Amino acid sequence: MLSYLLISIFLFATFSADTSVWISFFVSNLLLFGMFWWHLHQEKEFSPFISVFLVFSFLFFILSPVLQIGELNLANGVFITNLKYSQTAIVHTNVLVIIFNLTFAAAYLYFKKFRTLRVIPVYDQTKYKTLPILISIITIATVLVFIASFGFVQEEIRRHSGTPSSASIGMLLLWKKVLFMMPFAGIVLCFQYFEKRKKLPLNIVIVALLFLILGAFLLWFKNPLTEKRNALGPIYICIIFLIAPRLLNSNVKMTLFMFFSMIIVFPLSAMLTHVTATFKEILNKPRVLLDSLEGYGIGQVFNTLHYDAFINITATIDYVKYEGFSYGNQLLSGLLFFIPRSLWEAKPITTGKLVGEHLIEYHGFHYSNLSNPLVSEGYINLGIFGVVIIAIVLAITCIKFLSWFKSDDYLKKILALYFSIHLLFLLRGDFANGFSYYIGIFVGVYILTRFMQYIMEQMFLNQLSWKAKHKQRI
């Protein structure tokens, strides 16, 4: 709270803007500060979803836009997306953000009282005995995926981040978000088994060996050469939680971790990537590091497309001014992501791309693959009513996952924790990508695992049935 307060004081003391813009950001930050205080001092149960939500809101809706606007010439300034600065548009954007955050907070407090949303799933204790077999089946399936995808992964390792993949979007989703998550599911089940089996029978030795094999496959499928950091972060934070849960087991610890990771560590790492000197040159002459960073301040780090969420809400407002609301049409590309365009030619493009093309057409921008936060996803579909609805749905989703997070079923527990970290990506948008990516993860970790478990159990039942019939004949 002290860090938040000190950053806020410095931020607003040095923020030079139109009075209405300054006040709109101040009110938005005041609301957020109150939510931070309640989360850290009043909320009794551990809720990583709120920690991530608050850190995201401060980083993308307060810190970044304030620094971006502070560097503009307010008379005729333009943002990095070529969108012209408008006092009215910025205030309008802040009003939408305030409505979204206020609605989310109210809905979260209200719906937490509903017992039907707070039912904690219980793991069937009889399944512990068959866990080693299930983990073995997942390991075999992972080996088959490794063989089938070997060429694809090699291509991904060689492919430059700015070069499009030769694989279709559907195949990328199938490989990366579904099948490549199978070793992660196996690792989670290993921890489920370790929790109850403290002795060292043969089974636990086998599971430990399978754990190492699955870990090696996970590193092959999920590493910085094949995946973006927004996909790697949730996976390895979940594994850290499994190994040492006490590191992230309270609202204070989670908020502190996310706050300093996203607001201090990531911006500093972005500054270091600006350095052109080699590691050897820096070791020989440390002054080279400072020379490379000269003139490249923290404000410039935030004035990039990595932190464009707020201004893309403003761009969405500008789009609606020209084209009107979509009345739910834009949600279809996300909700029905699994239908290929070859079968649905009129399938809407993602909202980020739609607004990006609007910026290209009306403002002379050059890039259309933009983010689009949930706030603007709600607005482009149904205006302020859409912002309210999407905030309520998000709050209910977080409450439902909170019950999963308390479960002794490790798959559900980790999928809930994964969703809390994935919120950074989902909140930033666009919705189609954020939603489809998590559904892919859910299928790869939970649905496929439960399907394998069902097949295994059916085989056992058939075997028992065959033995029973065989005994009767004898």
Protein backbone atom coordinates (compact mmCIF):
# COMPACT_ATOMS: atom_id res chain seq x y z
CA MET A 1 0.00 0.00 0.00
CA LEU A 2 2.89 2.34 0.77
CA SER A 3 4.50 1.59 -2.60
CA TYR A 4 1.17 2.19 -4.35
CA LEU A 5 0.66 5.47 -2.46
CA LEU A 6 4.16 6.80 -3.15
CA ILE A 7 3.97 5.96 -6.86
CA SER A 8 0.52 7.59 -7.09
CA ILE A 9 1.63 10.77 -5.32
CA PHE A 10 4.64 11.15 -7.60
CA LEU A 11 2.55 10.28 -10.66
CA PHE A 12 -0.18 12.86 -10.08
CA ALA A 13 2.16 15.54 -8.71
CA THR A 14 4.06 15.49 -12.01
CA PHE A 15 1.04 14.90 -14.27
CA SER A 16 0.43 17.93 -16.46
CA ALA A 17 -2.91 17.66 -18.29
CA ASP A 18 -6.29 19.31 -18.75
CA THR A 19 -8.14 19.67 -15.45
CA SER A 20 -10.97 17.32 -16.41
CA VAL A 21 -8.47 14.67 -17.58
CA TRP A 22 -6.43 14.99 -14.37
CA ILE A 23 -9.57 14.69 -12.22
CA SER A 24 -10.88 11.66 -14.18
CA PHE A 25 -7.61 9.76 -13.65
CA PHE A 26 -7.50 10.82 -10.00
CA VAL A 27 -11.04 9.54 -9.34
CA SER A 28 -10.24 6.28 -11.15
CA ASN A 29 -7.10 5.84 -9.06
CA LEU A 30 -8.93 6.72 -5.84
CA LEU A 31 -11.46 3.96 -6.53
CA LEU A 32 -8.65 1.53 -7.28
CA PHE A 33 -6.81 2.51 -4.10
CA GLY A 34 -9.95 1.74 -2.09
CA MET A 35 -10.23 -1.66 -3.78
CA PHE A 36 -6.56 -2.35 -2.99
CA TRP A 37 -7.10 -1.46 0.67
CA TRP A 38 -10.19 -3.67 0.94
CA HIS A 39 -8.46 -6.61 -0.77
CA LEU A 40 -5.36 -6.47 1.44
CA HIS A 41 -6.97 -5.56 4.77
CA GLN A 42 -10.61 -6.68 4.68
CA GLU A 43 -10.94 -9.69 2.37
CA LYS A 44 -10.47 -12.73 4.59
CA GLU A 45 -9.91 -15.42 1.98
CA PHE A 46 -7.05 -15.73 -0.50
CA SER A 47 -8.25 -14.55 -3.92
CA PRO A 48 -5.44 -14.29 -6.52
CA PHE A 49 -8.00 -13.13 -9.10
CA ILE A 50 -8.52 -9.80 -7.34
CA SER A 51 -4.77 -9.34 -6.85
CA VAL A 52 -4.17 -9.68 -10.59
CA PHE A 53 -7.22 -7.58 -11.50
CA LEU A 54 -6.05 -4.67 -9.35
CA VAL A 55 -2.43 -4.77 -10.52
CA PHE A 56 -3.59 -4.88 -14.15
CA SER A 57 -5.94 -1.92 -13.64
CA PHE A 58 -3.24 0.21 -12.02
CA LEU A 59 -0.62 -0.63 -14.63
CA PHE A 60 -2.74 -0.33 -17.78
CA PHE A 61 -5.47 2.14 -16.76
CA ILE A 62 -3.53 4.53 -14.50
CA LEU A 63 0.26 4.36 -14.73
CA SER A 64 0.71 3.79 -18.47
CA PRO A 65 -1.82 6.33 -19.83
CA VAL A 66 -0.77 9.01 -17.35
CA LEU A 67 2.87 8.65 -18.44
CA GLN A 68 1.84 8.56 -22.11
CA ILE A 69 -0.34 11.68 -21.87
CA GLY A 70 2.34 13.42 -19.81
CA GLU A 71 4.75 13.20 -22.76
CA LEU A 72 2.24 14.57 -25.30
CA ASN A 73 1.90 18.06 -26.66
CA LEU A 74 -1.74 18.47 -25.61
CA ALA A 75 -2.46 21.00 -28.34
CA ASN A 76 -1.85 18.62 -31.26
CA GLY A 77 -0.35 15.46 -29.77
CA VAL A 78 -0.93 11.95 -31.08
CA PHE A 79 -0.54 8.62 -29.31
CA ILE A 80 1.63 5.75 -30.54
CA THR A 81 -1.36 4.44 -32.53
CA ASN A 82 -1.66 7.80 -34.36
CA LEU A 83 -4.91 8.53 -32.52
CA LYS A 84 -5.13 12.25 -31.77
CA TYR A 85 -5.33 13.38 -28.16
CA SER A 86 -8.84 14.48 -27.19
CA GLN A 87 -9.74 15.75 -23.76
CA THR A 88 -13.35 14.58 -24.11
CA ALA A 89 -12.36 11.12 -25.37
CA ILE A 90 -9.90 10.54 -22.51
CA VAL A 91 -12.50 11.54 -19.90
CA HIS A 92 -15.05 9.28 -21.65
CA THR A 93 -12.54 6.40 -21.48
CA ASN A 94 -11.96 6.96 -17.77
CA VAL A 95 -15.71 6.99 -17.14
CA LEU A 96 -15.98 3.55 -18.81
CA VAL A 97 -13.03 2.23 -16.75
CA ILE A 98 -14.58 3.55 -13.52
CA ILE A 99 -17.97 1.96 -14.38
CA PHE A 100 -16.25 -1.35 -15.18
CA ASN A 101 -14.17 -1.44 -11.98
CA LEU A 102 -17.04 -0.27 -9.76
CA THR A 103 -19.45 -2.82 -11.27
CA PHE A 104 -16.89 -5.61 -10.95
CA ALA A 105 -16.27 -4.78 -7.26
CA ALA A 106 -20.00 -4.56 -6.44
CA ALA A 107 -20.81 -7.79 -8.33
CA TYR A 108 -17.92 -9.63 -6.67
CA LEU A 109 -19.12 -8.66 -3.18
CA TYR A 110 -22.76 -9.42 -3.99
CA PHE A 111 -22.38 -12.77 -5.75
CA LYS A 112 -19.88 -14.10 -3.20
CA LYS A 113 -22.91 -14.58 -0.92
CA PHE A 114 -24.47 -17.12 -3.32
CA ARG A 115 -23.82 -20.63 -1.99
CA THR A 116 -24.34 -22.24 -5.41
CA LEU A 117 -21.27 -20.40 -6.67
CA ARG A 118 -19.19 -21.32 -3.62
CA VAL A 119 -19.57 -25.14 -3.73
CA ILE A 120 -16.04 -26.56 -3.44
CA PRO A 121 -15.38 -29.58 -5.72
CA VAL A 122 -14.17 -32.68 -3.85
CA TYR A 123 -11.66 -35.12 -5.30
CA ASP A 124 -12.76 -38.76 -5.40
CA GLN A 125 -10.32 -40.44 -2.99
CA THR A 126 -10.76 -43.83 -4.69
CA LYS A 127 -8.93 -42.51 -7.76
CA TYR A 128 -5.60 -42.13 -5.92
CA LYS A 129 -4.71 -45.78 -6.48
CA THR A 130 -4.98 -45.44 -10.26
CA LEU A 131 -3.11 -42.12 -10.52
CA PRO A 132 0.25 -43.75 -11.44
CA ILE A 133 -1.45 -45.54 -14.35
CA LEU A 134 -3.16 -42.35 -15.50
CA ILE A 135 0.13 -40.42 -15.32
CA SER A 136 1.79 -43.20 -17.33
CA ILE A 137 -0.92 -42.94 -20.02
CA ILE A 138 -0.44 -39.14 -20.18
CA THR A 139 3.32 -39.65 -20.51
CA ILE A 140 2.85 -42.10 -23.41
CA ALA A 141 0.42 -39.67 -25.10
CA THR A 142 2.97 -36.87 -24.60
CA VAL A 143 5.66 -38.97 -26.29
CA LEU A 144 3.35 -39.46 -29.28
CA VAL A 145 2.66 -35.70 -29.41
CA PHE A 146 6.42 -35.06 -29.22
CA ILE A 147 7.06 -37.33 -32.21
CA ALA A 148 4.18 -35.90 -34.26
CA SER A 149 5.07 -32.27 -33.53
CA PHE A 150 8.87 -32.47 -33.71
CA GLY A 151 9.11 -30.67 -37.05
CA PHE A 152 6.57 -28.04 -35.99
CA VAL A 153 8.45 -27.23 -32.77
CA GLN A 154 11.76 -26.97 -34.66
CA GLU A 155 10.14 -24.52 -37.07
CA GLU A 156 8.80 -22.49 -34.14
CA ILE A 157 12.26 -22.33 -32.57
CA ARG A 158 13.79 -21.09 -35.83
CA ARG A 159 10.93 -18.69 -36.62
CA HIS A 160 11.52 -15.02 -35.86
CA SER A 161 8.91 -13.47 -33.53
CA GLY A 162 7.75 -11.09 -36.26
CA THR A 163 7.38 -13.81 -38.93
CA PRO A 164 3.96 -15.49 -39.22
CA SER A 165 3.79 -19.25 -38.73
CA SER A 166 3.18 -21.53 -41.71
CA ALA A 167 0.56 -23.35 -39.61
CA SER A 168 -3.05 -22.18 -39.57
CA ILE A 169 -4.51 -20.43 -36.52
CA GLY A 170 -6.53 -23.55 -35.74
CA MET A 171 -3.45 -25.78 -35.82
CA LEU A 172 -1.48 -23.34 -33.67
CA LEU A 173 -4.27 -23.41 -31.10
CA LEU A 174 -4.46 -27.22 -31.22
CA TRP A 175 -0.71 -27.73 -30.82
CA LYS A 176 0.24 -24.95 -28.42
CA LYS A 177 -2.83 -24.54 -26.24
CA VAL A 178 -4.20 -28.08 -26.16
CA LEU A 179 -1.75 -30.89 -26.91
CA PHE A 180 1.40 -29.17 -25.61
CA MET A 181 -0.31 -28.74 -22.22
CA MET A 182 -0.57 -32.49 -21.64
CA PRO A 183 2.78 -32.76 -19.76
CA PHE A 184 1.63 -29.89 -17.53
CA ALA A 185 -1.50 -31.89 -16.64
CA GLY A 186 0.68 -34.90 -15.86
CA ILE A 187 2.92 -32.81 -13.60
CA VAL A 188 -0.12 -31.52 -11.68
CA LEU A 189 -1.32 -35.12 -11.14
CA CYS A 190 2.15 -36.07 -9.90
CA PHE A 191 1.81 -33.44 -7.16
CA GLN A 192 -1.68 -34.77 -6.41
CA TYR A 193 -0.14 -38.21 -5.87
CA PHE A 194 2.86 -36.91 -3.87
CA GLU A 195 0.51 -35.15 -1.44
CA LYS A 196 -0.99 -38.43 -0.21
CA ARG A 197 1.96 -40.78 -0.72
CA LYS A 198 4.71 -39.71 1.63
CA LYS A 199 6.42 -43.12 1.82
CA LEU A 200 8.68 -44.58 -0.87
CA PRO A 201 6.96 -47.62 -2.38
CA LEU A 202 7.70 -48.61 -5.96
CA ASN A 203 4.80 -46.51 -7.29
CA ILE A 204 6.13 -43.23 -5.94
CA VAL A 205 9.53 -43.93 -7.49
CA ILE A 206 7.83 -44.52 -10.84
CA VAL A 207 5.75 -41.33 -10.47
CA ALA A 208 8.88 -39.34 -9.58
CA LEU A 209 10.59 -40.67 -12.72
CA LEU A 210 7.54 -39.80 -14.83
CA PHE A 211 7.55 -36.34 -13.24
CA LEU A 212 11.09 -35.73 -14.50
CA ILE A 213 10.22 -37.00 -17.98
CA LEU A 214 7.11 -34.81 -18.16
CA GLY A 215 9.12 -31.83 -16.90
CA ALA A 216 11.61 -32.29 -19.74
CA PHE A 217 8.78 -32.46 -22.31
CA LEU A 218 7.17 -29.33 -20.82
CA LEU A 219 10.45 -27.43 -21.22
CA TRP A 220 10.63 -28.61 -24.83
CA PHE A 221 7.08 -27.53 -25.63
CA LYS A 222 6.95 -24.40 -23.45
CA ASN A 223 10.07 -22.26 -23.50
CA PRO A 224 10.94 -18.68 -24.57
CA LEU A 225 11.92 -19.89 -28.05
CA THR A 226 8.50 -21.39 -28.79
CA GLU A 227 6.09 -19.35 -26.65
CA LYS A 228 5.40 -15.76 -25.65
CA ARG A 229 5.83 -14.72 -22.04
CA ASN A 230 2.05 -14.27 -21.53
CA ALA A 231 1.71 -18.03 -22.13
CA LEU A 232 4.78 -19.08 -20.14
CA GLY A 233 4.07 -16.96 -17.05
CA PRO A 234 0.90 -18.75 -15.85
CA ILE A 235 2.44 -22.20 -16.38
CA TYR A 236 5.60 -21.65 -14.37
CA ILE A 237 3.90 -19.57 -11.67
CA CYS A 238 1.53 -22.53 -11.18
CA ILE A 239 4.49 -24.89 -10.88
CA ILE A 240 6.14 -22.57 -8.33
CA PHE A 241 2.89 -22.65 -6.37
CA LEU A 242 2.84 -26.47 -6.46
CA ILE A 243 6.45 -26.72 -5.29
CA ALA A 244 6.34 -23.98 -2.64
CA PRO A 245 2.72 -22.90 -1.98
CA ARG A 246 3.73 -20.71 0.96
CA LEU A 247 5.42 -18.28 -1.42
CA LEU A 248 2.04 -17.32 -2.91
CA ASN A 249 -0.62 -18.19 -0.35
CA SER A 250 -2.08 -14.83 0.68
CA ASN A 251 -3.50 -11.70 -0.88
CA VAL A 252 -0.53 -9.67 0.32
CA LYS A 253 2.05 -12.07 -1.14
CA MET A 254 0.26 -12.44 -4.49
CA THR A 255 -0.34 -8.70 -4.85
CA LEU A 256 3.25 -7.94 -3.90
CA PHE A 257 4.56 -10.49 -6.39
CA MET A 258 2.38 -9.25 -9.26
CA PHE A 259 2.87 -5.58 -8.37
CA PHE A 260 6.65 -5.65 -8.47
CA SER A 261 6.78 -8.11 -11.39
CA MET A 262 4.51 -6.09 -13.66
CA ILE A 263 5.17 -2.52 -12.52
CA ILE A 264 8.88 -2.61 -11.70
CA VAL A 265 10.65 -5.75 -13.01
CA PHE A 266 9.06 -5.95 -16.49
CA PRO A 267 9.58 -2.24 -17.35
CA LEU A 268 13.20 -2.44 -16.19
CA SER A 269 13.74 -5.59 -18.26
CA ALA A 270 12.25 -3.75 -21.25
CA MET A 271 14.78 -0.98 -20.74
CA LEU A 272 17.60 -3.52 -20.67
CA THR A 273 16.45 -5.05 -23.98
CA HIS A 274 17.03 -1.58 -25.48
CA VAL A 275 20.76 -1.98 -24.71
CA THR A 276 22.77 -2.72 -27.86
CA ALA A 277 26.05 -3.62 -26.13
CA THR A 278 27.00 -7.29 -25.69
CA PHE A 279 27.26 -8.92 -22.27
CA LYS A 280 31.06 -9.12 -22.64
CA GLU A 281 31.28 -5.40 -23.47
CA ILE A 282 29.20 -4.52 -20.40
CA LEU A 283 31.45 -6.65 -18.17
CA ASN A 284 34.59 -5.02 -19.54
CA LYS A 285 33.16 -1.51 -19.41
CA PRO A 286 30.01 -1.14 -17.25
CA ARG A 287 29.66 2.49 -18.37
CA VAL A 288 28.45 1.16 -21.75
CA LEU A 289 25.20 0.11 -20.06
CA LEU A 290 24.46 3.65 -18.87
CA ASP A 291 25.43 5.14 -22.23
CA SER A 292 23.02 2.78 -24.03
CA LEU A 293 20.18 3.78 -21.69
CA GLU A 294 20.86 7.50 -22.00
CA GLY A 295 17.73 9.28 -23.16
CA TYR A 296 15.63 6.11 -22.79
CA GLY A 297 13.58 6.75 -19.66
CA ILE A 298 10.82 4.85 -17.94
CA GLY A 299 8.24 6.99 -19.75
CA GLN A 300 9.41 5.65 -23.10
CA VAL A 301 9.09 2.08 -21.88
CA PHE A 302 5.39 2.64 -21.19
CA ASN A 303 4.88 4.54 -24.44
CA THR A 304 4.87 1.35 -26.53
CA LEU A 305 2.22 -1.00 -27.92
CA HIS A 306 2.83 -3.32 -24.94
CA TYR A 307 0.97 -0.77 -22.81
CA ASP A 308 -1.70 0.41 -25.28
CA ALA A 309 -4.76 -0.98 -23.47
CA PHE A 310 -6.19 2.33 -22.26
CA ILE A 311 -5.70 4.18 -25.52
CA ASN A 312 -7.28 1.29 -27.42
CA ILE A 313 -10.45 1.82 -25.39
CA THR A 314 -10.32 5.42 -26.63
CA ALA A 315 -9.81 4.11 -30.16
CA THR A 316 -12.86 1.84 -29.75
CA ILE A 317 -14.94 4.85 -28.71
CA ASP A 318 -13.70 6.56 -31.87
CA TYR A 319 -14.68 3.50 -33.94
CA VAL A 320 -18.20 3.46 -32.47
CA LYS A 321 -18.56 7.17 -33.34
CA TYR A 322 -18.10 6.24 -37.02
CA GLU A 323 -19.59 2.73 -37.26
CA GLY A 324 -21.98 2.38 -34.32
CA PHE A 325 -22.36 -0.54 -31.87
CA SER A 326 -22.09 -4.16 -33.04
CA TYR A 327 -24.92 -5.40 -30.74
CA GLY A 328 -23.15 -8.63 -29.81
CA ASN A 329 -21.71 -9.43 -33.22
CA GLN A 330 -18.12 -8.86 -32.05
CA LEU A 331 -18.48 -11.39 -29.25
CA LEU A 332 -19.24 -14.14 -31.76
CA SER A 333 -15.66 -14.34 -33.03
CA GLY A 334 -14.61 -15.25 -29.49
CA LEU A 335 -17.49 -17.41 -28.32
CA LEU A 336 -17.54 -19.37 -31.61
CA PHE A 337 -13.76 -19.36 -32.16
CA PHE A 338 -13.77 -23.09 -32.95
CA ILE A 339 -15.71 -22.59 -36.19
CA PRO A 340 -13.18 -22.08 -39.03
CA ARG A 341 -13.61 -19.20 -41.47
CA SER A 342 -13.70 -21.69 -44.33
CA LEU A 343 -17.11 -22.79 -43.00
CA TRP A 344 -18.24 -19.35 -41.81
CA GLU A 345 -17.13 -16.73 -44.30
CA ALA A 346 -18.97 -13.93 -42.48
CA LYS A 347 -17.27 -14.69 -39.16
CA PRO A 348 -16.36 -11.36 -37.49
CA ILE A 349 -12.67 -10.49 -37.16
CA THR A 350 -11.35 -9.96 -33.65
CA THR A 351 -12.11 -6.59 -32.06
CA GLY A 352 -8.42 -5.74 -31.76
CA LYS A 353 -7.96 -6.20 -35.50
CA LEU A 354 -11.22 -4.37 -36.26
CA VAL A 355 -10.18 -1.29 -34.27
CA GLY A 356 -6.65 -1.56 -35.70
CA GLU A 357 -8.02 -1.42 -39.25
CA HIS A 358 -10.11 1.60 -38.21
CA LEU A 359 -6.94 3.34 -37.04
CA ILE A 360 -5.25 2.51 -40.34
CA GLU A 361 -8.16 3.87 -42.38
CA TYR A 362 -8.94 7.04 -40.42
CA HIS A 363 -5.68 7.88 -38.63
CA GLY A 364 -2.94 6.59 -40.91
CA PHE A 365 -1.63 3.92 -38.54
CA HIS A 366 0.34 0.96 -39.96
CA TYR A 367 -0.49 -1.99 -37.70
CA SER A 368 -3.79 -3.76 -36.97
CA ASN A 369 -2.95 -6.59 -34.54
CA LEU A 370 -3.81 -4.59 -31.41
CA SER A 371 -5.08 -5.43 -27.96
CA ASN A 372 -8.63 -4.55 -26.96
CA PRO A 373 -9.52 -4.67 -23.24
CA LEU A 374 -12.69 -6.23 -21.86
CA VAL A 375 -13.93 -2.71 -21.11
CA SER A 376 -14.00 -1.79 -24.79
CA GLU A 377 -15.25 -5.26 -25.78
CA GLY A 378 -18.32 -4.54 -23.68
CA TYR A 379 -18.65 -1.01 -25.06
CA ILE A 380 -18.36 -1.90 -28.76
CA ASN A 381 -21.11 -4.51 -28.37
CA LEU A 382 -23.71 -2.83 -26.16
CA GLY A 383 -22.33 0.51 -25.00
CA ILE A 384 -22.27 1.24 -21.26
CA PHE A 385 -24.75 -1.60 -20.69
CA GLY A 386 -22.23 -3.97 -22.28
CA VAL A 387 -19.47 -2.69 -19.97
CA VAL A 388 -21.69 -3.44 -16.95
CA ILE A 389 -22.67 -6.91 -18.21
CA ILE A 390 -19.12 -8.01 -18.99
CA ALA A 391 -17.91 -6.80 -15.56
CA ILE A 392 -20.65 -8.84 -13.83
CA VAL A 393 -19.85 -11.97 -15.87
CA LEU A 394 -16.16 -11.61 -15.02
CA ALA A 395 -16.93 -11.24 -11.30
CA ILE A 396 -19.13 -14.37 -11.30
CA THR A 397 -16.43 -16.29 -13.18
CA CYS A 398 -13.79 -15.29 -10.62
CA ILE A 399 -16.07 -16.37 -7.74
CA LYS A 400 -16.70 -19.76 -9.37
CA PHE A 401 -12.97 -20.28 -9.92
CA LEU A 402 -12.37 -19.27 -6.30
CA SER A 403 -14.29 -22.38 -5.23
CA TRP A 404 -12.18 -24.44 -7.63
CA PHE A 405 -9.03 -22.92 -6.16
CA LYS A 406 -10.02 -24.25 -2.73
CA SER A 407 -10.65 -27.76 -4.06
CA ASP A 408 -8.47 -30.77 -3.23
CA ASP A 409 -8.77 -31.74 -6.90
CA TYR A 410 -5.39 -30.47 -8.13
CA LEU A 411 -6.45 -30.15 -11.76
CA LYS A 412 -9.27 -27.77 -10.83
CA LYS A 413 -7.14 -25.95 -8.29
CA ILE A 414 -4.35 -25.28 -10.78
CA LEU A 415 -6.74 -24.38 -13.61
CA ALA A 416 -8.21 -21.76 -11.27
CA LEU A 417 -4.77 -20.39 -10.41
CA TYR A 418 -3.84 -20.44 -14.10
CA PHE A 419 -6.96 -18.40 -14.88
CA SER A 420 -5.99 -15.80 -12.26
CA ILE A 421 -2.63 -15.18 -13.98
CA HIS A 422 -4.24 -15.47 -17.42
CA LEU A 423 -6.47 -12.56 -16.36
CA LEU A 424 -3.63 -10.23 -17.34
CA PHE A 425 -3.99 -11.41 -20.93
CA LEU A 426 -7.79 -11.67 -20.86
CA LEU A 427 -8.30 -8.19 -19.39
CA ARG A 428 -5.89 -6.65 -21.91
CA GLY A 429 -7.70 -8.41 -24.74
CA ASP A 430 -8.87 -8.90 -27.18
CA PHE A 431 -11.63 -11.20 -25.95
CA ALA A 432 -11.43 -13.69 -28.84
CA ASN A 433 -7.77 -14.50 -28.14
CA GLY A 434 -8.04 -14.41 -24.35
CA PHE A 435 -11.11 -16.64 -24.29
CA SER A 436 -10.01 -19.15 -26.93
CA TYR A 437 -6.54 -19.54 -25.40
CA TYR A 438 -7.94 -20.40 -21.97
CA ILE A 439 -10.52 -22.79 -23.41
CA GLY A 440 -7.67 -24.51 -25.26
CA ILE A 441 -5.72 -24.81 -22.01
CA PHE A 442 -8.82 -26.13 -20.23
CA VAL A 443 -9.33 -28.80 -22.89
CA GLY A 444 -5.65 -29.80 -22.89
CA VAL A 445 -5.30 -29.99 -19.11
CA TYR A 446 -8.73 -31.07 -17.89
CA ILE A 447 -10.93 -32.51 -20.67
CA LEU A 448 -8.23 -34.69 -22.26
CA THR A 449 -7.07 -35.93 -18.84
CA ARG A 450 -10.59 -36.80 -17.74
CA PHE A 451 -11.20 -38.51 -21.09
CA MET A 452 -8.09 -40.67 -20.63
CA GLN A 453 -9.21 -41.43 -17.08
CA TYR A 454 -12.66 -42.47 -18.33
CA ILE A 455 -11.17 -44.80 -20.96
CA MET A 456 -8.85 -46.31 -18.34
CA GLU A 457 -11.72 -46.90 -15.90
CA GLN A 458 -13.85 -48.49 -18.63
CA MET A 459 -11.00 -50.87 -19.44
CA PHE A 460 -10.75 -51.85 -15.76
CA LEU A 461 -14.52 -52.41 -15.57
CA ASN A 462 -14.49 -54.53 -18.72
CA GLN A 463 -11.61 -56.55 -17.31
CA LEU A 464 -13.47 -57.14 -14.03
CA SER A 465 -16.61 -58.06 -15.94
CA TRP A 466 -14.66 -60.54 -18.08
CA LYS A 467 -13.09 -62.13 -14.97
CA ALA A 468 -16.50 -62.43 -13.29
CA LYS A 469 -18.00 -64.15 -16.34
CA HIS A 470 -14.97 -66.42 -16.65
CA LYS A 471 -15.35 -67.56 -13.02
CA GLN A 472 -19.03 -68.32 -13.53
CA ARG A 473 -18.23 -70.58 -16.48
CA ILE A 474 -15.64 -72.47 -14.44
